[in-house]
Amino acid sequence: MSMRGFGFVIGAALLLASPTVKAAELKAGPLFVICSATNERVVSNCQAFTEGFVLGLAGAGAICPPPDAYKDVIKDLIRLPRAEIGDKTVAELLVPRLRLRYPCSGV
């Protein structure tokens, strides 16, 4: 399995599968660092995780994003001031933003 495939599986699985490993526990700071990297291999892990995260939320019916929405999520994440990221989890930081940006009609 490629690194991208592995990251995608991990991102989606964290939201949908195991109650002991929750996306709510993953800190946003390390994801910010990974997504801000210049190393292509490291950045591909960011892309894979973020895509899995977005698709996991979409699969759960929490958001209705367009294809490739994860790219905009990454751009938004790396533009945030570090002070705003602070000690927040990925879910605390991203889920409210994603719900506002990609609401499901009729919900």
PDB file of N, CA and C in Angstrom:
ATOM      1  N   MET A   1       0.851  -1.172   0.000  1.00  0.00           N
ATOM      2  CA  MET A   1       0.000   0.000   0.000  1.00  0.00           C
ATOM      3  C   MET A   1       0.897   1.235   0.000  1.00  0.00           C
ATOM      4  N   SER A   2       0.570   2.208  -0.805  1.00  0.00           N
ATOM      5  CA  SER A   2       1.353   3.442  -0.869  1.00  0.00           C
ATOM      6  C   SER A   2       1.136   4.257   0.404  1.00  0.00           C
ATOM      7  N   MET A   3       2.040   5.220   0.648  1.00  0.00           N
ATOM      8  CA  MET A   3       1.906   6.087   1.820  1.00  0.00           C
ATOM      9  C   MET A   3       0.602   6.873   1.748  1.00  0.00           C
ATOM     10  N   ARG A   4       0.249   7.326   0.546  1.00  0.00           N
ATOM     11  CA  ARG A   4      -0.992   8.084   0.385  1.00  0.00           C
ATOM     12  C   ARG A   4      -2.186   7.207   0.727  1.00  0.00           C
ATOM     13  N   GLY A   5      -2.183   5.992   0.227  1.00  0.00           N
ATOM     14  CA  GLY A   5      -3.268   5.071   0.522  1.00  0.00           C
ATOM     15  C   GLY A   5      -3.359   4.761   2.004  1.00  0.00           C
ATOM     16  N   PHE A   6      -2.206   4.590   2.629  1.00  0.00           N
ATOM     17  CA  PHE A   6      -2.157   4.305   4.056  1.00  0.00           C
ATOM     18  C   PHE A   6      -2.711   5.485   4.858  1.00  0.00           C
ATOM     19  N   GLY A   7      -2.287   6.693   4.512  1.00  0.00           N
ATOM     20  CA  GLY A   7      -2.775   7.886   5.208  1.00  0.00           C
ATOM     21  C   GLY A   7      -4.269   8.076   5.033  1.00  0.00           C
ATOM     22  N   PHE A   8      -4.768   7.802   3.828  1.00  0.00           N
ATOM     23  CA  PHE A   8      -6.195   7.912   3.559  1.00  0.00           C
ATOM     24  C   PHE A   8      -6.972   6.945   4.437  1.00  0.00           C
ATOM     25  N   VAL A   9      -6.504   5.712   4.502  1.00  0.00           N
ATOM     26  CA  VAL A   9      -7.168   4.700   5.322  1.00  0.00           C
ATOM     27  C   VAL A   9      -7.154   5.111   6.789  1.00  0.00           C
ATOM     28  N   ILE A  10      -6.011   5.600   7.257  1.00  0.00           N
ATOM     29  CA  ILE A  10      -5.905   6.028   8.650  1.00  0.00           C
ATOM     30  C   ILE A  10      -6.862   7.184   8.930  1.00  0.00           C
ATOM     31  N   GLY A  11      -6.878   8.196   8.062  1.00  0.00           N
ATOM     32  CA  GLY A  11      -7.751   9.351   8.268  1.00  0.00           C
ATOM     33  C   GLY A  11      -9.217   8.967   8.338  1.00  0.00           C
ATOM     34  N   ALA A  12      -9.655   8.145   7.420  1.00  0.00           N
ATOM     35  CA  ALA A  12     -11.052   7.716   7.414  1.00  0.00           C
ATOM     36  C   ALA A  12     -11.356   6.812   8.601  1.00  0.00           C
ATOM     37  N   ALA A  13     -10.442   5.910   8.900  1.00  0.00           N
ATOM     38  CA  ALA A  13     -10.656   4.964   9.990  1.00  0.00           C
ATOM     39  C   ALA A  13     -10.735   5.665  11.340  1.00  0.00           C
ATOM     40  N   LEU A  14      -9.963   6.711  11.521  1.00  0.00           N
ATOM     41  CA  LEU A  14      -9.986   7.422  12.795  1.00  0.00           C
ATOM     42  C   LEU A  14     -11.357   8.009  13.087  1.00  0.00           C
ATOM     43  N   LEU A  15     -12.063   8.384  12.057  1.00  0.00           N
ATOM     44  CA  LEU A  15     -13.386   8.972  12.259  1.00  0.00           C
ATOM     45  C   LEU A  15     -14.486   7.933  12.360  1.00  0.00           C
ATOM     46  N   LEU A  16     -14.345   6.835  11.671  1.00  0.00           N
ATOM     47  CA  LEU A  16     -15.464   5.910  11.554  1.00  0.00           C
ATOM     48  C   LEU A  16     -15.315   4.589  12.294  1.00  0.00           C
ATOM     49  N   ALA A  17     -14.096   4.166  12.571  1.00  0.00           N
ATOM     50  CA  ALA A  17     -13.927   2.802  13.052  1.00  0.00           C
ATOM     51  C   ALA A  17     -13.811   2.684  14.564  1.00  0.00           C
ATOM     52  N   SER A  18     -12.647   2.864  15.079  1.00  0.00           N
ATOM     53  CA  SER A  18     -12.347   2.515  16.457  1.00  0.00           C
ATOM     54  C   SER A  18     -12.730   3.609  17.447  1.00  0.00           C
ATOM     55  N   PRO A  19     -13.522   3.265  18.455  1.00  0.00           N
ATOM     56  CA  PRO A  19     -13.853   4.260  19.470  1.00  0.00           C
ATOM     57  C   PRO A  19     -12.671   4.592  20.376  1.00  0.00           C
ATOM     58  N   THR A  20     -11.644   3.753  20.391  1.00  0.00           N
ATOM     59  CA  THR A  20     -10.492   4.014  21.254  1.00  0.00           C
ATOM     60  C   THR A  20      -9.510   4.972  20.616  1.00  0.00           C
ATOM     61  N   VAL A  21      -9.508   5.088  19.298  1.00  0.00           N
ATOM     62  CA  VAL A  21      -8.634   6.032  18.601  1.00  0.00           C
ATOM     63  C   VAL A  21      -9.536   7.036  17.908  1.00  0.00           C
ATOM     64  N   LYS A  22      -9.649   8.204  18.496  1.00  0.00           N
ATOM     65  CA  LYS A  22     -10.586   9.200  17.986  1.00  0.00           C
ATOM     66  C   LYS A  22      -9.852  10.370  17.368  1.00  0.00           C
ATOM     67  N   ALA A  23     -10.421  10.920  16.316  1.00  0.00           N
ATOM     68  CA  ALA A  23      -9.849  12.116  15.702  1.00  0.00           C
ATOM     69  C   ALA A  23      -9.871  13.267  16.692  1.00  0.00           C
ATOM     70  N   ALA A  24     -10.797  13.207  17.636  1.00  0.00           N
ATOM     71  CA  ALA A  24     -10.886  14.260  18.640  1.00  0.00           C
ATOM     72  C   ALA A  24      -9.640  14.320  19.509  1.00  0.00           C
ATOM     73  N   GLU A  25      -8.845  13.254  19.527  1.00  0.00           N
ATOM     74  CA  GLU A  25      -7.646  13.207  20.357  1.00  0.00           C
ATOM     75  C   GLU A  25      -6.391  13.650  19.612  1.00  0.00           C
ATOM     76  N   LEU A  26      -6.449  13.765  18.310  1.00  0.00           N
ATOM     77  CA  LEU A  26      -5.274  14.130  17.521  1.00  0.00           C
ATOM     78  C   LEU A  26      -5.086  15.638  17.535  1.00  0.00           C
ATOM     79  N   LYS A  27      -3.899  16.080  17.892  1.00  0.00           N
ATOM     80  CA  LYS A  27      -3.621  17.511  17.989  1.00  0.00           C
ATOM     81  C   LYS A  27      -3.417  18.117  16.605  1.00  0.00           C
ATOM     82  N   ALA A  28      -3.918  19.331  16.427  1.00  0.00           N
ATOM     83  CA  ALA A  28      -3.826  20.020  15.140  1.00  0.00           C
ATOM     84  C   ALA A  28      -2.423  20.551  14.867  1.00  0.00           C
ATOM     85  N   GLY A  29      -1.664  20.857  15.910  1.00  0.00           N
ATOM     86  CA  GLY A  29      -0.312  21.392  15.736  1.00  0.00           C
ATOM     87  C   GLY A  29       0.580  20.502  14.887  1.00  0.00           C
ATOM     88  N   PRO A  30       0.673  19.201  15.215  1.00  0.00           N
ATOM     89  CA  PRO A  30       1.496  18.316  14.383  1.00  0.00           C
ATOM     90  C   PRO A  30       0.997  18.216  12.940  1.00  0.00           C
ATOM     91  N   LEU A  31      -0.321  18.244  12.743  1.00  0.00           N
ATOM     92  CA  LEU A  31      -0.853  18.207  11.375  1.00  0.00           C
ATOM     93  C   LEU A  31      -0.453  19.475  10.632  1.00  0.00           C
ATOM     94  N   PHE A  32      -0.486  20.622  11.304  1.00  0.00           N
ATOM     95  CA  PHE A  32      -0.046  21.888  10.719  1.00  0.00           C
ATOM     96  C   PHE A  32       1.409  21.777  10.257  1.00  0.00           C
ATOM     97  N   VAL A  33       2.260  21.220  11.104  1.00  0.00           N
ATOM     98  CA  VAL A  33       3.683  21.076  10.770  1.00  0.00           C
ATOM     99  C   VAL A  33       3.858  20.169   9.561  1.00  0.00           C
ATOM    100  N   ILE A  34       3.156  19.048   9.545  1.00  0.00           N
ATOM    101  CA  ILE A  34       3.256  18.104   8.428  1.00  0.00           C
ATOM    102  C   ILE A  34       2.764  18.762   7.136  1.00  0.00           C
ATOM    103  N   CYS A  35       1.643  19.469   7.217  1.00  0.00           N
ATOM    104  CA  CYS A  35       1.077  20.099   6.020  1.00  0.00           C
ATOM    105  C   CYS A  35       1.911  21.282   5.535  1.00  0.00           C
ATOM    106  N   SER A  36       2.699  21.877   6.417  1.00  0.00           N
ATOM    107  CA  SER A  36       3.550  23.014   6.061  1.00  0.00           C
ATOM    108  C   SER A  36       4.911  22.590   5.525  1.00  0.00           C
ATOM    109  N   ALA A  37       5.197  21.314   5.557  1.00  0.00           N
ATOM    110  CA  ALA A  37       6.506  20.810   5.134  1.00  0.00           C
ATOM    111  C   ALA A  37       6.746  21.050   3.647  1.00  0.00           C
ATOM    112  N   THR A  38       8.010  21.051   3.283  1.00  0.00           N
ATOM    113  CA  THR A  38       8.368  21.193   1.869  1.00  0.00           C
ATOM    114  C   THR A  38       8.726  19.850   1.251  1.00  0.00           C
ATOM    115  N   ASN A  39       8.923  18.844   2.070  1.00  0.00           N
ATOM    116  CA  ASN A  39       9.240  17.505   1.591  1.00  0.00           C
ATOM    117  C   ASN A  39       7.972  16.872   1.011  1.00  0.00           C
ATOM    118  N   GLU A  40       8.046  16.484  -0.245  1.00  0.00           N
ATOM    119  CA  GLU A  40       6.872  15.955  -0.950  1.00  0.00           C
ATOM    120  C   GLU A  40       6.284  14.726  -0.264  1.00  0.00           C
ATOM    121  N   ARG A  41       7.135  13.879   0.252  1.00  0.00           N
ATOM    122  CA  ARG A  41       6.657  12.657   0.901  1.00  0.00           C
ATOM    123  C   ARG A  41       5.886  12.980   2.183  1.00  0.00           C
ATOM    124  N   VAL A  42       6.393  13.947   2.934  1.00  0.00           N
ATOM    125  CA  VAL A  42       5.716  14.362   4.160  1.00  0.00           C
ATOM    126  C   VAL A  42       4.381  15.021   3.824  1.00  0.00           C
ATOM    127  N   VAL A  43       4.387  15.883   2.829  1.00  0.00           N
ATOM    128  CA  VAL A  43       3.161  16.569   2.417  1.00  0.00           C
ATOM    129  C   VAL A  43       2.125  15.568   1.909  1.00  0.00           C
ATOM    130  N   SER A  44       2.551  14.505   1.263  1.00  0.00           N
ATOM    131  CA  SER A  44       1.586  13.513   0.777  1.00  0.00           C
ATOM    132  C   SER A  44       0.872  12.839   1.947  1.00  0.00           C
ATOM    133  N   ASN A  45       1.550  12.703   3.096  1.00  0.00           N
ATOM    134  CA  ASN A  45       0.883  12.164   4.285  1.00  0.00           C
ATOM    135  C   ASN A  45      -0.185  13.127   4.782  1.00  0.00           C
ATOM    136  N   CYS A  46       0.111  14.414   4.723  1.00  0.00           N
ATOM    137  CA  CYS A  46      -0.869  15.438   5.094  1.00  0.00           C
ATOM    138  C   CYS A  46      -2.087  15.344   4.181  1.00  0.00           C
ATOM    139  N   GLN A  47      -1.838  15.267   2.897  1.00  0.00           N
ATOM    140  CA  GLN A  47      -2.935  15.198   1.928  1.00  0.00           C
ATOM    141  C   GLN A  47      -3.785  13.958   2.156  1.00  0.00           C
ATOM    142  N   ALA A  48      -3.132  12.835   2.380  1.00  0.00           N
ATOM    143  CA  ALA A  48      -3.865  11.587   2.570  1.00  0.00           C
ATOM    144  C   ALA A  48      -4.702  11.628   3.846  1.00  0.00           C
ATOM    145  N   PHE A  49      -4.112  12.102   4.941  1.00  0.00           N
ATOM    146  CA  PHE A  49      -4.867  12.179   6.190  1.00  0.00           C
ATOM    147  C   PHE A  49      -6.044  13.142   6.052  1.00  0.00           C
ATOM    148  N   THR A  50      -5.783  14.323   5.497  1.00  0.00           N
ATOM    149  CA  THR A  50      -6.822  15.342   5.387  1.00  0.00           C
ATOM    150  C   THR A  50      -7.948  14.876   4.470  1.00  0.00           C
ATOM    151  N   GLU A  51      -7.594  14.224   3.375  1.00  0.00           N
ATOM    152  CA  GLU A  51      -8.619  13.687   2.476  1.00  0.00           C
ATOM    153  C   GLU A  51      -9.464  12.649   3.208  1.00  0.00           C
ATOM    154  N   GLY A  52      -8.824  11.767   3.952  1.00  0.00           N
ATOM    155  CA  GLY A  52      -9.559  10.768   4.726  1.00  0.00           C
ATOM    156  C   GLY A  52     -10.447  11.394   5.785  1.00  0.00           C
ATOM    157  N   PHE A  53      -9.940  12.435   6.432  1.00  0.00           N
ATOM    158  CA  PHE A  53     -10.703  13.149   7.457  1.00  0.00           C
ATOM    159  C   PHE A  53     -11.960  13.768   6.852  1.00  0.00           C
ATOM    160  N   VAL A  54     -11.798  14.475   5.742  1.00  0.00           N
ATOM    161  CA  VAL A  54     -12.926  15.130   5.068  1.00  0.00           C
ATOM    162  C   VAL A  54     -13.921  14.084   4.554  1.00  0.00           C
ATOM    163  N   LEU A  55     -13.426  13.037   3.932  1.00  0.00           N
ATOM    164  CA  LEU A  55     -14.325  12.000   3.413  1.00  0.00           C
ATOM    165  C   LEU A  55     -15.014  11.237   4.533  1.00  0.00           C
ATOM    166  N   GLY A  56     -14.323  11.074   5.659  1.00  0.00           N
ATOM    167  CA  GLY A  56     -14.943  10.429   6.815  1.00  0.00           C
ATOM    168  C   GLY A  56     -16.115  11.246   7.345  1.00  0.00           C
ATOM    169  N   LEU A  57     -15.924  12.557   7.446  1.00  0.00           N
ATOM    170  CA  LEU A  57     -17.022  13.430   7.877  1.00  0.00           C
ATOM    171  C   LEU A  57     -18.161  13.415   6.861  1.00  0.00           C
ATOM    172  N   ALA A  58     -17.806  13.418   5.583  1.00  0.00           N
ATOM    173  CA  ALA A  58     -18.828  13.378   4.530  1.00  0.00           C
ATOM    174  C   ALA A  58     -19.597  12.061   4.589  1.00  0.00           C
ATOM    175  N   GLY A  59     -18.884  10.965   4.788  1.00  0.00           N
ATOM    176  CA  GLY A  59     -19.527   9.660   4.880  1.00  0.00           C
ATOM    177  C   GLY A  59     -20.460   9.546   6.071  1.00  0.00           C
ATOM    178  N   ALA A  60     -20.148  10.281   7.127  1.00  0.00           N
ATOM    179  CA  ALA A  60     -20.991  10.285   8.321  1.00  0.00           C
ATOM    180  C   ALA A  60     -22.156  11.267   8.185  1.00  0.00           C
ATOM    181  N   GLY A  61     -22.182  12.028   7.075  1.00  0.00           N
ATOM    182  CA  GLY A  61     -23.255  12.984   6.835  1.00  0.00           C
ATOM    183  C   GLY A  61     -23.089  14.311   7.556  1.00  0.00           C
ATOM    184  N   ALA A  62     -21.904  14.558   8.112  1.00  0.00           N
ATOM    185  CA  ALA A  62     -21.660  15.800   8.852  1.00  0.00           C
ATOM    186  C   ALA A  62     -21.417  16.990   7.926  1.00  0.00           C
ATOM    187  N   ILE A  63     -20.858  16.734   6.750  1.00  0.00           N
ATOM    188  CA  ILE A  63     -20.581  17.787   5.769  1.00  0.00           C
ATOM    189  C   ILE A  63     -20.864  17.246   4.374  1.00  0.00           C
ATOM    190  N   CYS A  64     -21.014  18.152   3.420  1.00  0.00           N
ATOM    191  CA  CYS A  64     -21.233  17.767   2.023  1.00  0.00           C
ATOM    192  C   CYS A  64     -20.237  18.522   1.141  1.00  0.00           C
ATOM    193  N   PRO A  65     -18.988  18.076   1.136  1.00  0.00           N
ATOM    194  CA  PRO A  65     -17.951  18.785   0.389  1.00  0.00           C
ATOM    195  C   PRO A  65     -17.912  18.397  -1.080  1.00  0.00           C
ATOM    196  N   PRO A  66     -17.366  19.289  -1.908  1.00  0.00           N
ATOM    197  CA  PRO A  66     -17.132  18.934  -3.306  1.00  0.00           C
ATOM    198  C   PRO A  66     -15.903  18.031  -3.392  1.00  0.00           C
ATOM    199  N   PRO A  67     -15.693  17.404  -4.546  1.00  0.00           N
ATOM    200  CA  PRO A  67     -14.473  16.614  -4.716  1.00  0.00           C
ATOM    201  C   PRO A  67     -13.246  17.496  -4.482  1.00  0.00           C
ATOM    202  N   ASP A  68     -12.225  16.923  -3.941  1.00  0.00           N
ATOM    203  CA  ASP A  68     -10.952  17.605  -3.675  1.00  0.00           C
ATOM    204  C   ASP A  68     -11.062  18.735  -2.653  1.00  0.00           C
ATOM    205  N   ALA A  69     -12.071  18.723  -1.805  1.00  0.00           N
ATOM    206  CA  ALA A  69     -12.219  19.752  -0.772  1.00  0.00           C
ATOM    207  C   ALA A  69     -11.034  19.748   0.185  1.00  0.00           C
ATOM    208  N   TYR A  70     -10.407  18.594   0.340  1.00  0.00           N
ATOM    209  CA  TYR A  70      -9.274  18.499   1.265  1.00  0.00           C
ATOM    210  C   TYR A  70      -8.165  19.475   0.892  1.00  0.00           C
ATOM    211  N   LYS A  71      -8.037  19.805  -0.388  1.00  0.00           N
ATOM    212  CA  LYS A  71      -6.994  20.747  -0.816  1.00  0.00           C
ATOM    213  C   LYS A  71      -7.235  22.129  -0.213  1.00  0.00           C
ATOM    214  N   ASP A  72      -8.494  22.557  -0.200  1.00  0.00           N
ATOM    215  CA  ASP A  72      -8.832  23.845   0.413  1.00  0.00           C
ATOM    216  C   ASP A  72      -8.649  23.791   1.927  1.00  0.00           C
ATOM    217  N   VAL A  73      -8.952  22.645   2.520  1.00  0.00           N
ATOM    218  CA  VAL A  73      -8.783  22.483   3.965  1.00  0.00           C
ATOM    219  C   VAL A  73      -7.312  22.647   4.337  1.00  0.00           C
ATOM    220  N   ILE A  74      -6.426  22.054   3.553  1.00  0.00           N
ATOM    221  CA  ILE A  74      -4.987  22.174   3.814  1.00  0.00           C
ATOM    222  C   ILE A  74      -4.542  23.624   3.668  1.00  0.00           C
ATOM    223  N   LYS A  75      -4.976  24.286   2.606  1.00  0.00           N
ATOM    224  CA  LYS A  75      -4.617  25.701   2.409  1.00  0.00           C
ATOM    225  C   LYS A  75      -5.070  26.544   3.595  1.00  0.00           C
ATOM    226  N   ASP A  76      -6.294  26.311   4.049  1.00  0.00           N
ATOM    227  CA  ASP A  76      -6.819  27.061   5.191  1.00  0.00           C
ATOM    228  C   ASP A  76      -6.029  26.758   6.460  1.00  0.00           C
ATOM    229  N   LEU A  77      -5.702  25.496   6.664  1.00  0.00           N
ATOM    230  CA  LEU A  77      -4.965  25.092   7.862  1.00  0.00           C
ATOM    231  C   LEU A  77      -3.611  25.774   7.940  1.00  0.00           C
ATOM    232  N   ILE A  78      -2.865  25.774   6.845  1.00  0.00           N
ATOM    233  CA  ILE A  78      -1.514  26.344   6.914  1.00  0.00           C
ATOM    234  C   ILE A  78      -1.523  27.874   6.935  1.00  0.00           C
ATOM    235  N   ARG A  79      -2.657  28.481   6.665  1.00  0.00           N
ATOM    236  CA  ARG A  79      -2.770  29.946   6.764  1.00  0.00           C
ATOM    237  C   ARG A  79      -3.158  30.408   8.167  1.00  0.00           C
ATOM    238  N   LEU A  80      -3.625  29.488   8.988  1.00  0.00           N
ATOM    239  CA  LEU A  80      -4.044  29.863  10.340  1.00  0.00           C
ATOM    240  C   LEU A  80      -2.842  30.261  11.188  1.00  0.00           C
ATOM    241  N   PRO A  81      -3.008  31.283  12.017  1.00  0.00           N
ATOM    242  CA  PRO A  81      -1.930  31.633  12.945  1.00  0.00           C
ATOM    243  C   PRO A  81      -1.735  30.504  13.962  1.00  0.00           C
ATOM    244  N   ARG A  82      -0.491  30.238  14.301  1.00  0.00           N
ATOM    245  CA  ARG A  82      -0.195  29.172  15.270  1.00  0.00           C
ATOM    246  C   ARG A  82      -0.944  29.395  16.578  1.00  0.00           C
ATOM    247  N   ALA A  83      -1.117  30.652  16.971  1.00  0.00           N
ATOM    248  CA  ALA A  83      -1.824  30.949  18.220  1.00  0.00           C
ATOM    249  C   ALA A  83      -3.274  30.460  18.162  1.00  0.00           C
ATOM    250  N   GLU A  84      -3.882  30.522  16.990  1.00  0.00           N
ATOM    251  CA  GLU A  84      -5.260  30.048  16.841  1.00  0.00           C
ATOM    252  C   GLU A  84      -5.324  28.521  16.903  1.00  0.00           C
ATOM    253  N   ILE A  85      -4.295  27.872  16.408  1.00  0.00           N
ATOM    254  CA  ILE A  85      -4.238  26.406  16.454  1.00  0.00           C
ATOM    255  C   ILE A  85      -4.022  25.955  17.890  1.00  0.00           C
ATOM    256  N   GLY A  86      -3.071  26.605  18.563  1.00  0.00           N
ATOM    257  CA  GLY A  86      -2.806  26.312  19.968  1.00  0.00           C
ATOM    258  C   GLY A  86      -2.711  24.836  20.264  1.00  0.00           C
ATOM    259  N   ASP A  87      -3.452  24.408  21.272  1.00  0.00           N
ATOM    260  CA  ASP A  87      -3.443  23.010  21.708  1.00  0.00           C
ATOM    261  C   ASP A  87      -4.723  22.291  21.272  1.00  0.00           C
ATOM    262  N   LYS A  88      -5.413  22.851  20.284  1.00  0.00           N
ATOM    263  CA  LYS A  88      -6.668  22.256  19.825  1.00  0.00           C
ATOM    264  C   LYS A  88      -6.417  20.936  19.112  1.00  0.00           C
ATOM    265  N   THR A  89      -7.433  20.104  19.136  1.00  0.00           N
ATOM    266  CA  THR A  89      -7.371  18.868  18.373  1.00  0.00           C
ATOM    267  C   THR A  89      -7.764  19.161  16.930  1.00  0.00           C
ATOM    268  N   VAL A  90      -7.492  18.212  16.062  1.00  0.00           N
ATOM    269  CA  VAL A  90      -7.881  18.346  14.655  1.00  0.00           C
ATOM    270  C   VAL A  90      -9.393  18.548  14.564  1.00  0.00           C
ATOM    271  N   ALA A  91     -10.141  17.762  15.310  1.00  0.00           N
ATOM    272  CA  ALA A  91     -11.601  17.871  15.264  1.00  0.00           C
ATOM    273  C   ALA A  91     -12.077  19.224  15.784  1.00  0.00           C
ATOM    274  N   GLU A  92     -11.517  19.697  16.896  1.00  0.00           N
ATOM    275  CA  GLU A  92     -11.920  20.998  17.452  1.00  0.00           C
ATOM    276  C   GLU A  92     -11.648  22.132  16.473  1.00  0.00           C
ATOM    277  N   LEU A  93     -10.550  22.039  15.772  1.00  0.00           N
ATOM    278  CA  LEU A  93     -10.153  23.104  14.864  1.00  0.00           C
ATOM    279  C   LEU A  93     -10.887  23.051  13.530  1.00  0.00           C
ATOM    280  N   LEU A  94     -10.995  21.862  12.957  1.00  0.00           N
ATOM    281  CA  LEU A  94     -11.498  21.751  11.588  1.00  0.00           C
ATOM    282  C   LEU A  94     -12.992  21.488  11.444  1.00  0.00           C
ATOM    283  N   VAL A  95     -13.581  20.697  12.324  1.00  0.00           N
ATOM    284  CA  VAL A  95     -14.985  20.316  12.132  1.00  0.00           C
ATOM    285  C   VAL A  95     -15.918  21.526  12.091  1.00  0.00           C
ATOM    286  N   PRO A  96     -15.829  22.482  13.025  1.00  0.00           N
ATOM    287  CA  PRO A  96     -16.731  23.644  12.920  1.00  0.00           C
ATOM    288  C   PRO A  96     -16.550  24.419  11.612  1.00  0.00           C
ATOM    289  N   ARG A  97     -15.313  24.566  11.181  1.00  0.00           N
ATOM    290  CA  ARG A  97     -15.045  25.276   9.921  1.00  0.00           C
ATOM    291  C   ARG A  97     -15.627  24.514   8.732  1.00  0.00           C
ATOM    292  N   LEU A  98     -15.461  23.205   8.735  1.00  0.00           N
ATOM    293  CA  LEU A  98     -15.961  22.387   7.628  1.00  0.00           C
ATOM    294  C   LEU A  98     -17.487  22.386   7.586  1.00  0.00           C
ATOM    295  N   ARG A  99     -18.122  22.369   8.732  1.00  0.00           N
ATOM    296  CA  ARG A  99     -19.594  22.396   8.764  1.00  0.00           C
ATOM    297  C   ARG A  99     -20.134  23.708   8.209  1.00  0.00           C
ATOM    298  N   LEU A 100     -19.444  24.806   8.492  1.00  0.00           N
ATOM    299  CA  LEU A 100     -19.867  26.100   7.944  1.00  0.00           C
ATOM    300  C   LEU A 100     -19.605  26.194   6.448  1.00  0.00           C
ATOM    301  N   ARG A 101     -18.470  25.688   6.042  1.00  0.00           N
ATOM    302  CA  ARG A 101     -18.063  25.809   4.636  1.00  0.00           C
ATOM    303  C   ARG A 101     -18.803  24.842   3.719  1.00  0.00           C
ATOM    304  N   TYR A 102     -19.065  23.629   4.207  1.00  0.00           N
ATOM    305  CA  TYR A 102     -19.680  22.588   3.373  1.00  0.00           C
ATOM    306  C   TYR A 102     -20.945  22.023   4.022  1.00  0.00           C
ATOM    307  N   PRO A 103     -21.942  22.865   4.269  1.00  0.00           N
ATOM    308  CA  PRO A 103     -23.163  22.343   4.896  1.00  0.00           C
ATOM    309  C   PRO A 103     -23.936  21.457   3.919  1.00  0.00           C
ATOM    310  N   CYS A 104     -24.659  20.525   4.480  1.00  0.00           N
ATOM    311  CA  CYS A 104     -25.534  19.687   3.662  1.00  0.00           C
ATOM    312  C   CYS A 104     -26.881  20.394   3.579  1.00  0.00           C
ATOM    313  N   SER A 105     -27.415  20.557   2.389  1.00  0.00           N
ATOM    314  CA  SER A 105     -28.703  21.241   2.235  1.00  0.00           C
ATOM    315  C   SER A 105     -29.797  20.407   2.894  1.00  0.00           C
ATOM    316  N   GLY A 106     -30.718  21.100   3.520  1.00  0.00           N
ATOM    317  CA  GLY A 106     -31.827  20.412   4.172  1.00  0.00           C
ATOM    318  C   GLY A 106     -31.490  19.874   5.540  1.00  0.00           C
ATOM    319  N   VAL A 107     -30.291  20.202   6.052  1.00  0.00           N
ATOM    320  CA  VAL A 107     -29.905  19.698   7.379  1.00  0.00           C
ATOM    321  C   VAL A 107     -30.031  20.806   8.380  1.00  0.00           C
TER     322      VAL A 107
END
